[in-house]
Amino acid sequence: MTNKNSAEFSTKLPIKVGIVGTGYVAQRRAEALRSDDRAQLLCASGNTPENLIAFCETNSLSPVESWQKLVNQPDLDLVIISNINRDRAAIVRAVLESSKHAIVEYPLALNPTEAEELINLAKTKGKLLHVEHIELLGGLHQAMGQYLPEIGNVFYARYATIKSQRPAPLHWNYNYQMCGFPLTAALSRIHRFTDLFGTVTSVACQSRFWDAPESGYYIACLCNAQLRFNSGLIADITYGKGEVFWQNCRHFEIHGDRGTLIFEGEKGTLVREKEKIPLEVGSRRGLLAKDTKLVLDRLETGQPLYVTPTASLYALKVADAADRAARTGTIVKF
């Protein structure tokens, strides 16, 4: 069985898949692939042997002792990369050089130059490179896009996400080298803005870390960035996590000259004149399954995806500018 539009990728069905990673995202991917007869999930690799064995037993897969060996499996068409941020670029490069398609969680790389090289490599190889950005598929983002016309010309927006973790885990996402700059690791905070509002002209940022006793780790971080857009919009992004926080927060507000949109968690409100109108916000459940299905649609029929690697790269460049602004105490202009 072959795909209906094989001119672009020449991928036969079922698409044979391997996964690098054994965590939450990898498990959701495995579940989505098992429920779709267009895909055949064959194998997985991971950093922790006991986790790999459990993951493979749960999903009836063959364990592969390293990602290098998995990438070079000749029978694979597609590799899904769901491991630590630091290693993703190297794995994606190896996947593309072995002439396979790649799905990777954001960020594609910690360095925008390397990310751009990978995007160009995918084009050269004629392979699909999909950088997942499921926040764009979620109910919050869809509601924002739907109701933006109701508030006129937007001039200010604010997005704050705080996650309290007490105690903070000794985990790679609390490690400077393995995770990267917090707004790079949490790239969706920036990508929401660039997807809705376009081109950024300048970035200012401050950051603070609370170091853990173990070298290379921290117990909490806080970043605050201000983006100025070509349209004149000013946007504030606050992102924090760890032990120093006592209350979770997920708040998004957008101010226009004809109204305001306010989102608290899953609840939305449109404020105009003297009225406050409740907004329906769709669920965040099942987004990784939806993303996986859309990739299979792309490989089978050529249907365009909801996000491009170039759009993800632009958000990554903004995050890199925020990193430089925080380190130098200057405003970085694009």
C-alpha atoms as a PDB file:
ATOM      1  CA  MET A   1       0.000   0.000   0.000  1.00  0.00           C
ATOM      2  CA  THR A   2       1.417   3.404  -1.003  1.00  0.00           C
ATOM      3  CA  ASN A   3       0.387   6.896  -0.084  1.00  0.00           C
ATOM      4  CA  LYS A   4      -1.987   8.900  -2.260  1.00  0.00           C
ATOM      5  CA  ASN A   5       0.503  11.696  -2.809  1.00  0.00           C
ATOM      6  CA  SER A   6       3.885  10.004  -2.942  1.00  0.00           C
ATOM      7  CA  ALA A   7       5.569  12.639  -5.105  1.00  0.00           C
ATOM      8  CA  GLU A   8       6.939  14.621  -2.166  1.00  0.00           C
ATOM      9  CA  PHE A   9       8.113  11.987   0.296  1.00  0.00           C
ATOM     10  CA  SER A  10       7.637   8.585  -1.411  1.00  0.00           C
ATOM     11  CA  THR A  11       6.618   6.960   1.870  1.00  0.00           C
ATOM     12  CA  LYS A  12       4.895   3.565   1.786  1.00  0.00           C
ATOM     13  CA  LEU A  13       2.228   2.535   4.246  1.00  0.00           C
ATOM     14  CA  PRO A  14       2.361   1.357   6.922  1.00  0.00           C
ATOM     15  CA  ILE A  15       4.969   3.881   8.046  1.00  0.00           C
ATOM     16  CA  LYS A  16       7.534   2.132  10.227  1.00  0.00           C
ATOM     17  CA  VAL A  17       8.393   4.144  13.317  1.00  0.00           C
ATOM     18  CA  GLY A  18      10.984   4.201  16.101  1.00  0.00           C
ATOM     19  CA  ILE A  19      10.918   6.376  19.222  1.00  0.00           C
ATOM     20  CA  VAL A  20      13.843   7.951  21.088  1.00  0.00           C
ATOM     21  CA  GLY A  21      12.627   8.539  24.634  1.00  0.00           C
ATOM     22  CA  THR A  22      10.436   6.730  27.136  1.00  0.00           C
ATOM     23  CA  GLY A  23       8.717   9.516  29.077  1.00  0.00           C
ATOM     24  CA  TYR A  24       5.225  10.986  29.068  1.00  0.00           C
ATOM     25  CA  VAL A  25       5.368  12.394  25.532  1.00  0.00           C
ATOM     26  CA  ALA A  26       6.825   9.187  24.106  1.00  0.00           C
ATOM     27  CA  GLN A  27       4.029   7.174  25.743  1.00  0.00           C
ATOM     28  CA  ARG A  28       1.329   9.430  24.278  1.00  0.00           C
ATOM     29  CA  ARG A  29       2.972   9.089  20.851  1.00  0.00           C
ATOM     30  CA  ALA A  30       3.078   5.319  21.188  1.00  0.00           C
ATOM     31  CA  GLU A  31      -0.614   5.187  22.083  1.00  0.00           C
ATOM     32  CA  ALA A  32      -1.513   7.345  19.077  1.00  0.00           C
ATOM     33  CA  LEU A  33       0.557   5.226  16.700  1.00  0.00           C
ATOM     34  CA  ARG A  34      -0.876   1.957  18.000  1.00  0.00           C
ATOM     35  CA  SER A  35      -4.394   3.202  17.250  1.00  0.00           C
ATOM     36  CA  ASP A  36      -3.613   4.163  13.624  1.00  0.00           C
ATOM     37  CA  ASP A  37      -3.187   1.374  11.071  1.00  0.00           C
ATOM     38  CA  ARG A  38      -1.136   3.668   8.828  1.00  0.00           C
ATOM     39  CA  ALA A  39       1.783   3.337  11.242  1.00  0.00           C
ATOM     40  CA  GLN A  40       3.734   0.426  12.671  1.00  0.00           C
ATOM     41  CA  LEU A  41       5.708   1.227  15.821  1.00  0.00           C
ATOM     42  CA  LEU A  42       8.692  -1.118  15.938  1.00  0.00           C
ATOM     43  CA  CYS A  43      11.284  -0.061  18.501  1.00  0.00           C
ATOM     44  CA  ALA A  44      12.438   2.426  21.100  1.00  0.00           C
ATOM     45  CA  SER A  45      15.586   3.593  22.850  1.00  0.00           C
ATOM     46  CA  GLY A  46      16.102   5.482  26.098  1.00  0.00           C
ATOM     47  CA  ASN A  47      18.669   6.685  28.601  1.00  0.00           C
ATOM     48  CA  THR A  48      17.557   4.486  31.513  1.00  0.00           C
ATOM     49  CA  PRO A  49      17.571   0.697  30.880  1.00  0.00           C
ATOM     50  CA  GLU A  50      14.792  -0.119  33.346  1.00  0.00           C
ATOM     51  CA  ASN A  51      12.521   2.594  31.915  1.00  0.00           C
ATOM     52  CA  LEU A  52      13.246   1.389  28.400  1.00  0.00           C
ATOM     53  CA  ILE A  53      12.335  -2.198  29.263  1.00  0.00           C
ATOM     54  CA  ALA A  54       9.075  -1.103  30.912  1.00  0.00           C
ATOM     55  CA  PHE A  55       8.186   1.163  27.981  1.00  0.00           C
ATOM     56  CA  CYS A  56       8.856  -1.556  25.423  1.00  0.00           C
ATOM     57  CA  GLU A  57       6.894  -4.159  27.386  1.00  0.00           C
ATOM     58  CA  THR A  58       3.924  -1.799  27.671  1.00  0.00           C
ATOM     59  CA  ASN A  59       3.941  -1.075  23.950  1.00  0.00           C
ATOM     60  CA  SER A  60       5.163  -4.461  22.622  1.00  0.00           C
ATOM     61  CA  LEU A  61       8.324  -2.974  21.117  1.00  0.00           C
ATOM     62  CA  SER A  62      11.892  -4.081  20.574  1.00  0.00           C
ATOM     63  CA  PRO A  63      14.339  -2.223  22.848  1.00  0.00           C
ATOM     64  CA  VAL A  64      17.404  -0.702  21.164  1.00  0.00           C
ATOM     65  CA  GLU A  65      20.334   0.057  23.465  1.00  0.00           C
ATOM     66  CA  SER A  66      21.210   3.474  21.985  1.00  0.00           C
ATOM     67  CA  TRP A  67      19.631   6.139  19.827  1.00  0.00           C
ATOM     68  CA  GLN A  68      22.557   5.807  17.414  1.00  0.00           C
ATOM     69  CA  LYS A  69      21.652   2.182  16.724  1.00  0.00           C
ATOM     70  CA  LEU A  70      17.949   2.987  16.470  1.00  0.00           C
ATOM     71  CA  VAL A  71      18.517   5.756  13.939  1.00  0.00           C
ATOM     72  CA  ASN A  72      20.477   3.369  11.732  1.00  0.00           C
ATOM     73  CA  GLN A  73      17.773   0.686  11.697  1.00  0.00           C
ATOM     74  CA  PRO A  74      17.288   0.176   7.930  1.00  0.00           C
ATOM     75  CA  ASP A  75      13.589  -0.679   8.146  1.00  0.00           C
ATOM     76  CA  LEU A  76      12.469   2.599   9.787  1.00  0.00           C
ATOM     77  CA  ASP A  77      10.787   5.415   7.853  1.00  0.00           C
ATOM     78  CA  LEU A  78      10.187   7.833  10.730  1.00  0.00           C
ATOM     79  CA  VAL A  79      11.897   8.539  14.052  1.00  0.00           C
ATOM     80  CA  ILE A  80      10.199  10.429  16.891  1.00  0.00           C
ATOM     81  CA  ILE A  81      12.598  12.269  19.208  1.00  0.00           C
ATOM     82  CA  SER A  82      11.236  12.894  22.717  1.00  0.00           C
ATOM     83  CA  ASN A  83      14.311  13.130  24.911  1.00  0.00           C
ATOM     84  CA  ILE A  84      16.326  15.876  26.599  1.00  0.00           C
ATOM     85  CA  ASN A  85      16.675  19.265  24.874  1.00  0.00           C
ATOM     86  CA  ARG A  86      20.458  19.216  24.682  1.00  0.00           C
ATOM     87  CA  ASP A  87      20.624  16.053  22.547  1.00  0.00           C
ATOM     88  CA  ARG A  88      17.789  16.673  20.101  1.00  0.00           C
ATOM     89  CA  ALA A  89      19.740  18.457  17.386  1.00  0.00           C
ATOM     90  CA  ALA A  90      22.359  15.688  17.153  1.00  0.00           C
ATOM     91  CA  ILE A  91      19.667  13.018  16.921  1.00  0.00           C
ATOM     92  CA  VAL A  92      17.641  14.919  14.320  1.00  0.00           C
ATOM     93  CA  ARG A  93      20.780  15.380  12.221  1.00  0.00           C
ATOM     94  CA  ALA A  94      21.529  11.656  12.370  1.00  0.00           C
ATOM     95  CA  VAL A  95      17.916  10.813  11.475  1.00  0.00           C
ATOM     96  CA  LEU A  96      17.919  13.086   8.435  1.00  0.00           C
ATOM     97  CA  GLU A  97      21.356  11.930   7.293  1.00  0.00           C
ATOM     98  CA  SER A  98      20.081   8.354   7.402  1.00  0.00           C
ATOM     99  CA  SER A  99      17.253   9.457   5.061  1.00  0.00           C
ATOM    100  CA  LYS A 100      14.392   9.156   7.528  1.00  0.00           C
ATOM    101  CA  HIS A 101      11.588  11.525   8.501  1.00  0.00           C
ATOM    102  CA  ALA A 102      11.731  13.158  11.941  1.00  0.00           C
ATOM    103  CA  ILE A 103       9.242  14.364  14.542  1.00  0.00           C
ATOM    104  CA  VAL A 104      10.820  16.317  17.389  1.00  0.00           C
ATOM    105  CA  GLU A 105       9.461  18.222  20.376  1.00  0.00           C
ATOM    106  CA  TYR A 106      10.357  21.892  20.661  1.00  0.00           C
ATOM    107  CA  PRO A 107      12.997  23.218  20.794  1.00  0.00           C
ATOM    108  CA  LEU A 108      14.525  21.666  17.683  1.00  0.00           C
ATOM    109  CA  ALA A 109      17.931  22.792  18.965  1.00  0.00           C
ATOM    110  CA  LEU A 110      19.280  25.024  21.707  1.00  0.00           C
ATOM    111  CA  ASN A 111      21.126  27.095  19.091  1.00  0.00           C
ATOM    112  CA  PRO A 112      19.137  28.804  16.290  1.00  0.00           C
ATOM    113  CA  THR A 113      22.005  28.439  13.813  1.00  0.00           C
ATOM    114  CA  GLU A 114      22.048  24.681  14.314  1.00  0.00           C
ATOM    115  CA  ALA A 115      18.256  24.553  14.021  1.00  0.00           C
ATOM    116  CA  GLU A 116      18.413  26.384  10.705  1.00  0.00           C
ATOM    117  CA  GLU A 117      21.042  23.956   9.443  1.00  0.00           C
ATOM    118  CA  LEU A 118      18.729  21.048  10.283  1.00  0.00           C
ATOM    119  CA  ILE A 119      15.804  22.640   8.458  1.00  0.00           C
ATOM    120  CA  ASN A 120      17.979  23.072   5.386  1.00  0.00           C
ATOM    121  CA  LEU A 121      19.250  19.494   5.698  1.00  0.00           C
ATOM    122  CA  ALA A 122      15.671  18.184   5.714  1.00  0.00           C
ATOM    123  CA  LYS A 123      14.975  20.104   2.506  1.00  0.00           C
ATOM    124  CA  THR A 124      18.141  18.763   0.898  1.00  0.00           C
ATOM    125  CA  LYS A 125      17.283  15.199   1.873  1.00  0.00           C
ATOM    126  CA  GLY A 126      13.633  15.568   0.849  1.00  0.00           C
ATOM    127  CA  LYS A 127      12.471  14.420   4.288  1.00  0.00           C
ATOM    128  CA  LEU A 128       9.797  15.668   6.629  1.00  0.00           C
ATOM    129  CA  LEU A 129      11.022  17.531   9.702  1.00  0.00           C
ATOM    130  CA  HIS A 130       8.144  18.352  12.028  1.00  0.00           C
ATOM    131  CA  VAL A 131       8.741  20.392  15.185  1.00  0.00           C
ATOM    132  CA  GLU A 132       5.757  19.810  17.479  1.00  0.00           C
ATOM    133  CA  HIS A 133       3.958  22.891  18.789  1.00  0.00           C
ATOM    134  CA  ILE A 134       0.733  21.491  20.204  1.00  0.00           C
ATOM    135  CA  GLU A 135      -0.035  24.757  22.006  1.00  0.00           C
ATOM    136  CA  LEU A 136      -1.248  26.021  18.619  1.00  0.00           C
ATOM    137  CA  LEU A 137      -3.782  23.171  18.463  1.00  0.00           C
ATOM    138  CA  GLY A 138      -5.102  23.742  21.985  1.00  0.00           C
ATOM    139  CA  GLY A 139      -8.353  25.368  22.971  1.00  0.00           C
ATOM    140  CA  LEU A 140      -6.691  28.434  24.498  1.00  0.00           C
ATOM    141  CA  HIS A 141      -4.802  29.396  21.349  1.00  0.00           C
ATOM    142  CA  GLN A 142      -7.768  28.627  19.106  1.00  0.00           C
ATOM    143  CA  ALA A 143     -10.016  30.815  21.258  1.00  0.00           C
ATOM    144  CA  MET A 144      -7.528  33.675  21.207  1.00  0.00           C
ATOM    145  CA  GLY A 145      -7.330  33.578  17.424  1.00  0.00           C
ATOM    146  CA  GLN A 146     -11.121  33.379  17.112  1.00  0.00           C
ATOM    147  CA  TYR A 147     -11.899  36.340  19.363  1.00  0.00           C
ATOM    148  CA  LEU A 148      -9.020  38.696  18.515  1.00  0.00           C
ATOM    149  CA  PRO A 149     -11.126  40.589  15.930  1.00  0.00           C
ATOM    150  CA  GLU A 150     -13.601  41.410  18.715  1.00  0.00           C
ATOM    151  CA  ILE A 151     -11.131  43.642  20.597  1.00  0.00           C
ATOM    152  CA  GLY A 152      -9.857  45.825  17.759  1.00  0.00           C
ATOM    153  CA  ASN A 153      -6.237  46.930  17.471  1.00  0.00           C
ATOM    154  CA  VAL A 154      -4.140  45.067  20.039  1.00  0.00           C
ATOM    155  CA  PHE A 155      -1.550  47.172  21.872  1.00  0.00           C
ATOM    156  CA  TYR A 156      -0.602  45.142  24.978  1.00  0.00           C
ATOM    157  CA  ALA A 157      -0.544  41.475  25.985  1.00  0.00           C
ATOM    158  CA  ARG A 158       0.674  39.590  29.042  1.00  0.00           C
ATOM    159  CA  TYR A 159       1.280  35.870  29.503  1.00  0.00           C
ATOM    160  CA  ALA A 160       2.315  34.422  32.860  1.00  0.00           C
ATOM    161  CA  THR A 161       2.881  30.764  33.713  1.00  0.00           C
ATOM    162  CA  ILE A 162       4.197  29.756  37.118  1.00  0.00           C
ATOM    163  CA  LYS A 163       4.632  26.149  38.232  1.00  0.00           C
ATOM    164  CA  SER A 164       5.233  25.385  41.886  1.00  0.00           C
ATOM    165  CA  GLN A 165       7.293  22.233  42.471  1.00  0.00           C
ATOM    166  CA  ARG A 166       8.189  21.560  46.084  1.00  0.00           C
ATOM    167  CA  PRO A 167      10.639  19.985  46.174  1.00  0.00           C
ATOM    168  CA  ALA A 168      12.065  20.597  42.719  1.00  0.00           C
ATOM    169  CA  PRO A 169      13.114  17.295  41.127  1.00  0.00           C
ATOM    170  CA  LEU A 170      16.746  16.529  40.341  1.00  0.00           C
ATOM    171  CA  HIS A 171      15.747  16.200  36.706  1.00  0.00           C
ATOM    172  CA  TRP A 172      17.199  17.260  33.373  1.00  0.00           C
ATOM    173  CA  ASN A 173      14.653  20.073  33.015  1.00  0.00           C
ATOM    174  CA  TYR A 174      16.265  21.727  36.057  1.00  0.00           C
ATOM    175  CA  ASN A 175      19.754  21.482  34.554  1.00  0.00           C
ATOM    176  CA  TYR A 176      21.422  24.410  32.778  1.00  0.00           C
ATOM    177  CA  GLN A 177      23.155  22.381  30.079  1.00  0.00           C
ATOM    178  CA  MET A 178      20.533  19.696  29.439  1.00  0.00           C
ATOM    179  CA  CYS A 179      17.503  21.986  29.414  1.00  0.00           C
ATOM    180  CA  GLY A 180      18.833  25.273  28.049  1.00  0.00           C
ATOM    181  CA  PHE A 181      17.627  28.807  28.729  1.00  0.00           C
ATOM    182  CA  PRO A 182      14.139  28.611  30.294  1.00  0.00           C
ATOM    183  CA  LEU A 183      12.346  30.528  27.542  1.00  0.00           C
ATOM    184  CA  THR A 184      14.037  28.325  24.944  1.00  0.00           C
ATOM    185  CA  ALA A 185      12.914  25.209  26.789  1.00  0.00           C
ATOM    186  CA  ALA A 186       9.430  26.729  27.216  1.00  0.00           C
ATOM    187  CA  LEU A 187       9.358  27.985  23.637  1.00  0.00           C
ATOM    188  CA  SER A 188       5.570  27.824  23.386  1.00  0.00           C
ATOM    189  CA  ARG A 189       5.340  30.948  25.571  1.00  0.00           C
ATOM    190  CA  ILE A 190       7.032  32.918  22.807  1.00  0.00           C
ATOM    191  CA  HIS A 191       5.553  31.011  19.889  1.00  0.00           C
ATOM    192  CA  ARG A 192       1.988  31.871  20.928  1.00  0.00           C
ATOM    193  CA  PHE A 193       2.855  35.558  20.454  1.00  0.00           C
ATOM    194  CA  THR A 194       4.790  35.236  17.202  1.00  0.00           C
ATOM    195  CA  ASP A 195       2.027  33.063  15.727  1.00  0.00           C
ATOM    196  CA  LEU A 196      -0.652  35.615  16.620  1.00  0.00           C
ATOM    197  CA  PHE A 197       1.197  38.896  16.150  1.00  0.00           C
ATOM    198  CA  GLY A 198       4.069  38.346  13.703  1.00  0.00           C
ATOM    199  CA  THR A 199       7.401  40.136  13.613  1.00  0.00           C
ATOM    200  CA  VAL A 200       9.374  41.126  16.720  1.00  0.00           C
ATOM    201  CA  THR A 201      11.560  44.243  16.594  1.00  0.00           C
ATOM    202  CA  SER A 202      13.229  44.153  20.034  1.00  0.00           C
ATOM    203  CA  VAL A 203      13.580  41.963  23.116  1.00  0.00           C
ATOM    204  CA  ALA A 204      14.419  42.795  26.738  1.00  0.00           C
ATOM    205  CA  CYS A 205      14.706  40.137  29.429  1.00  0.00           C
ATOM    206  CA  GLN A 206      15.651  39.474  33.035  1.00  0.00           C
ATOM    207  CA  SER A 207      16.243  36.067  34.571  1.00  0.00           C
ATOM    208  CA  ARG A 208      17.084  34.627  37.980  1.00  0.00           C
ATOM    209  CA  PHE A 209      18.092  31.136  39.109  1.00  0.00           C
ATOM    210  CA  TRP A 210      18.191  29.520  42.540  1.00  0.00           C
ATOM    211  CA  ASP A 211      21.037  27.002  42.433  1.00  0.00           C
ATOM    212  CA  ALA A 212      20.735  23.472  43.780  1.00  0.00           C
ATOM    213  CA  PRO A 213      23.544  21.913  45.854  1.00  0.00           C
ATOM    214  CA  GLU A 214      24.275  19.585  42.924  1.00  0.00           C
ATOM    215  CA  SER A 215      26.499  21.262  40.343  1.00  0.00           C
ATOM    216  CA  GLY A 216      24.708  22.169  37.132  1.00  0.00           C
ATOM    217  CA  TYR A 217      21.191  22.025  38.604  1.00  0.00           C
ATOM    218  CA  TYR A 218      18.853  24.647  40.035  1.00  0.00           C
ATOM    219  CA  ILE A 219      15.789  24.423  42.264  1.00  0.00           C
ATOM    220  CA  ALA A 220      13.919  27.321  40.657  1.00  0.00           C
ATOM    221  CA  CYS A 221      14.080  29.810  37.828  1.00  0.00           C
ATOM    222  CA  LEU A 222      12.260  32.978  36.843  1.00  0.00           C
ATOM    223  CA  CYS A 223      12.312  34.768  33.478  1.00  0.00           C
ATOM    224  CA  ASN A 224      10.542  37.945  32.449  1.00  0.00           C
ATOM    225  CA  ALA A 225      10.798  39.117  28.835  1.00  0.00           C
ATOM    226  CA  GLN A 226       9.299  42.082  27.039  1.00  0.00           C
ATOM    227  CA  LEU A 227       8.772  41.814  23.289  1.00  0.00           C
ATOM    228  CA  ARG A 228       8.117  44.779  21.014  1.00  0.00           C
ATOM    229  CA  PHE A 229       6.373  43.880  17.768  1.00  0.00           C
ATOM    230  CA  ASN A 230       6.456  45.579  14.386  1.00  0.00           C
ATOM    231  CA  SER A 231       2.776  46.451  14.882  1.00  0.00           C
ATOM    232  CA  GLY A 232       3.632  48.433  18.029  1.00  0.00           C
ATOM    233  CA  LEU A 233       2.293  45.732  20.361  1.00  0.00           C
ATOM    234  CA  ILE A 234       4.162  45.344  23.658  1.00  0.00           C
ATOM    235  CA  ALA A 235       4.040  41.844  25.152  1.00  0.00           C
ATOM    236  CA  ASP A 236       5.221  40.668  28.579  1.00  0.00           C
ATOM    237  CA  ILE A 237       6.119  37.027  29.181  1.00  0.00           C
ATOM    238  CA  THR A 238       6.694  35.698  32.694  1.00  0.00           C
ATOM    239  CA  TYR A 239       7.783  32.109  33.197  1.00  0.00           C
ATOM    240  CA  GLY A 240       8.843  30.491  36.446  1.00  0.00           C
ATOM    241  CA  LYS A 241       9.047  27.080  38.061  1.00  0.00           C
ATOM    242  CA  GLY A 242      10.428  25.378  41.133  1.00  0.00           C
ATOM    243  CA  GLU A 243      10.603  25.484  44.903  1.00  0.00           C
ATOM    244  CA  VAL A 244      10.413  29.228  45.508  1.00  0.00           C
ATOM    245  CA  PHE A 245       6.866  29.437  44.140  1.00  0.00           C
ATOM    246  CA  TRP A 246       3.856  28.592  46.301  1.00  0.00           C
ATOM    247  CA  GLN A 247       1.038  29.059  43.811  1.00  0.00           C
ATOM    248  CA  ASN A 248       0.519  27.882  40.235  1.00  0.00           C
ATOM    249  CA  CYS A 249      -0.547  30.453  37.669  1.00  0.00           C
ATOM    250  CA  ARG A 250      -1.598  30.361  34.014  1.00  0.00           C
ATOM    251  CA  HIS A 251      -2.860  33.772  32.956  1.00  0.00           C
ATOM    252  CA  PHE A 252      -3.115  35.348  29.508  1.00  0.00           C
ATOM    253  CA  GLU A 253      -4.603  38.737  28.733  1.00  0.00           C
ATOM    254  CA  ILE A 254      -4.756  40.706  25.486  1.00  0.00           C
ATOM    255  CA  HIS A 255      -5.767  44.385  25.401  1.00  0.00           C
ATOM    256  CA  GLY A 256      -7.213  46.061  22.321  1.00  0.00           C
ATOM    257  CA  ASP A 257      -8.793  49.441  21.711  1.00  0.00           C
ATOM    258  CA  ARG A 258     -12.280  47.840  21.634  1.00  0.00           C
ATOM    259  CA  GLY A 259     -11.980  45.275  24.412  1.00  0.00           C
ATOM    260  CA  THR A 260      -9.880  42.833  26.431  1.00  0.00           C
ATOM    261  CA  LEU A 261      -9.482  39.055  26.328  1.00  0.00           C
ATOM    262  CA  ILE A 262      -8.655  37.365  29.647  1.00  0.00           C
ATOM    263  CA  PHE A 263      -7.854  33.679  30.061  1.00  0.00           C
ATOM    264  CA  GLU A 264      -7.330  32.054  33.456  1.00  0.00           C
ATOM    265  CA  GLY A 265      -6.449  28.409  32.979  1.00  0.00           C
ATOM    266  CA  GLU A 266      -9.260  26.948  30.877  1.00  0.00           C
ATOM    267  CA  LYS A 267     -11.682  29.868  31.413  1.00  0.00           C
ATOM    268  CA  GLY A 268     -11.943  32.813  29.043  1.00  0.00           C
ATOM    269  CA  THR A 269     -13.693  36.195  29.225  1.00  0.00           C
ATOM    270  CA  LEU A 270     -14.291  38.929  26.671  1.00  0.00           C
ATOM    271  CA  VAL A 271     -14.537  42.340  28.374  1.00  0.00           C
ATOM    272  CA  ARG A 272     -16.215  45.188  26.457  1.00  0.00           C
ATOM    273  CA  GLU A 273     -17.917  48.338  27.708  1.00  0.00           C
ATOM    274  CA  LYS A 274     -19.828  47.149  30.797  1.00  0.00           C
ATOM    275  CA  GLU A 275     -20.196  43.525  29.703  1.00  0.00           C
ATOM    276  CA  LYS A 276     -18.175  40.448  30.525  1.00  0.00           C
ATOM    277  CA  ILE A 277     -18.860  37.613  28.111  1.00  0.00           C
ATOM    278  CA  PRO A 278     -17.753  34.068  29.054  1.00  0.00           C
ATOM    279  CA  LEU A 279     -15.843  32.342  26.254  1.00  0.00           C
ATOM    280  CA  GLU A 280     -15.766  28.667  25.456  1.00  0.00           C
ATOM    281  CA  VAL A 281     -12.225  27.290  25.592  1.00  0.00           C
ATOM    282  CA  GLY A 282     -11.553  23.803  24.258  1.00  0.00           C
ATOM    283  CA  SER A 283      -9.677  21.132  26.145  1.00  0.00           C
ATOM    284  CA  ARG A 284      -5.928  20.482  26.098  1.00  0.00           C
ATOM    285  CA  ARG A 285      -6.498  16.742  26.172  1.00  0.00           C
ATOM    286  CA  GLY A 286      -5.426  14.564  23.263  1.00  0.00           C
ATOM    287  CA  LEU A 287      -3.240  17.126  21.518  1.00  0.00           C
ATOM    288  CA  LEU A 288      -0.229  14.832  21.055  1.00  0.00           C
ATOM    289  CA  ALA A 289      -2.519  12.239  19.463  1.00  0.00           C
ATOM    290  CA  LYS A 290      -3.896  14.919  17.156  1.00  0.00           C
ATOM    291  CA  ASP A 291      -0.387  16.086  16.266  1.00  0.00           C
ATOM    292  CA  THR A 292       0.653  12.494  15.471  1.00  0.00           C
ATOM    293  CA  LYS A 293      -2.386  11.980  13.248  1.00  0.00           C
ATOM    294  CA  LEU A 294      -1.648  15.195  11.348  1.00  0.00           C
ATOM    295  CA  VAL A 295       1.923  14.030  10.667  1.00  0.00           C
ATOM    296  CA  LEU A 296       0.640  10.742   9.289  1.00  0.00           C
ATOM    297  CA  ASP A 297      -1.847  12.687   7.148  1.00  0.00           C
ATOM    298  CA  ARG A 298       1.059  14.746   5.837  1.00  0.00           C
ATOM    299  CA  LEU A 299       3.086  11.682   4.922  1.00  0.00           C
ATOM    300  CA  GLU A 300       0.100   9.895   3.382  1.00  0.00           C
ATOM    301  CA  THR A 301      -1.654  12.649   1.439  1.00  0.00           C
ATOM    302  CA  GLY A 302       0.661  15.677   1.459  1.00  0.00           C
ATOM    303  CA  GLN A 303      -1.787  17.670   3.591  1.00  0.00           C
ATOM    304  CA  PRO A 304      -0.001  20.742   5.038  1.00  0.00           C
ATOM    305  CA  LEU A 305       0.751  20.713   8.749  1.00  0.00           C
ATOM    306  CA  TYR A 306      -0.463  23.340  11.223  1.00  0.00           C
ATOM    307  CA  VAL A 307       3.048  24.668  11.852  1.00  0.00           C
ATOM    308  CA  THR A 308       6.271  24.904   9.875  1.00  0.00           C
ATOM    309  CA  PRO A 309       9.844  24.403  11.115  1.00  0.00           C
ATOM    310  CA  THR A 310      10.561  27.950   9.927  1.00  0.00           C
ATOM    311  CA  ALA A 311       7.907  29.362  12.266  1.00  0.00           C
ATOM    312  CA  SER A 312       9.397  27.377  15.144  1.00  0.00           C
ATOM    313  CA  LEU A 313      12.859  28.654  14.200  1.00  0.00           C
ATOM    314  CA  TYR A 314      11.666  32.254  14.359  1.00  0.00           C
ATOM    315  CA  ALA A 315      10.336  31.733  17.885  1.00  0.00           C
ATOM    316  CA  LEU A 316      13.660  30.111  18.783  1.00  0.00           C
ATOM    317  CA  LYS A 317      15.544  33.165  17.521  1.00  0.00           C
ATOM    318  CA  VAL A 318      13.383  35.370  19.743  1.00  0.00           C
ATOM    319  CA  ALA A 319      14.122  33.098  22.722  1.00  0.00           C
ATOM    320  CA  ASP A 320      17.836  33.294  21.934  1.00  0.00           C
ATOM    321  CA  ALA A 321      17.556  37.082  21.878  1.00  0.00           C
ATOM    322  CA  ALA A 322      15.891  36.939  25.311  1.00  0.00           C
ATOM    323  CA  ASP A 323      18.803  34.827  26.579  1.00  0.00           C
ATOM    324  CA  ARG A 324      21.333  37.357  25.266  1.00  0.00           C
ATOM    325  CA  ALA A 325      19.334  40.260  26.686  1.00  0.00           C
ATOM    326  CA  ALA A 326      19.233  38.626  30.126  1.00  0.00           C
ATOM    327  CA  ARG A 327      22.971  37.902  30.096  1.00  0.00           C
ATOM    328  CA  THR A 328      24.046  41.344  28.884  1.00  0.00           C
ATOM    329  CA  GLY A 329      21.407  43.577  30.458  1.00  0.00           C
ATOM    330  CA  THR A 330      20.718  45.160  27.079  1.00  0.00           C
ATOM    331  CA  ILE A 331      17.801  45.395  24.679  1.00  0.00           C
ATOM    332  CA  VAL A 332      18.402  43.126  21.686  1.00  0.00           C
ATOM    333  CA  LYS A 333      17.076  44.482  18.400  1.00  0.00           C
ATOM    334  CA  PHE A 334      16.162  42.343  15.402  1.00  0.00           C
END
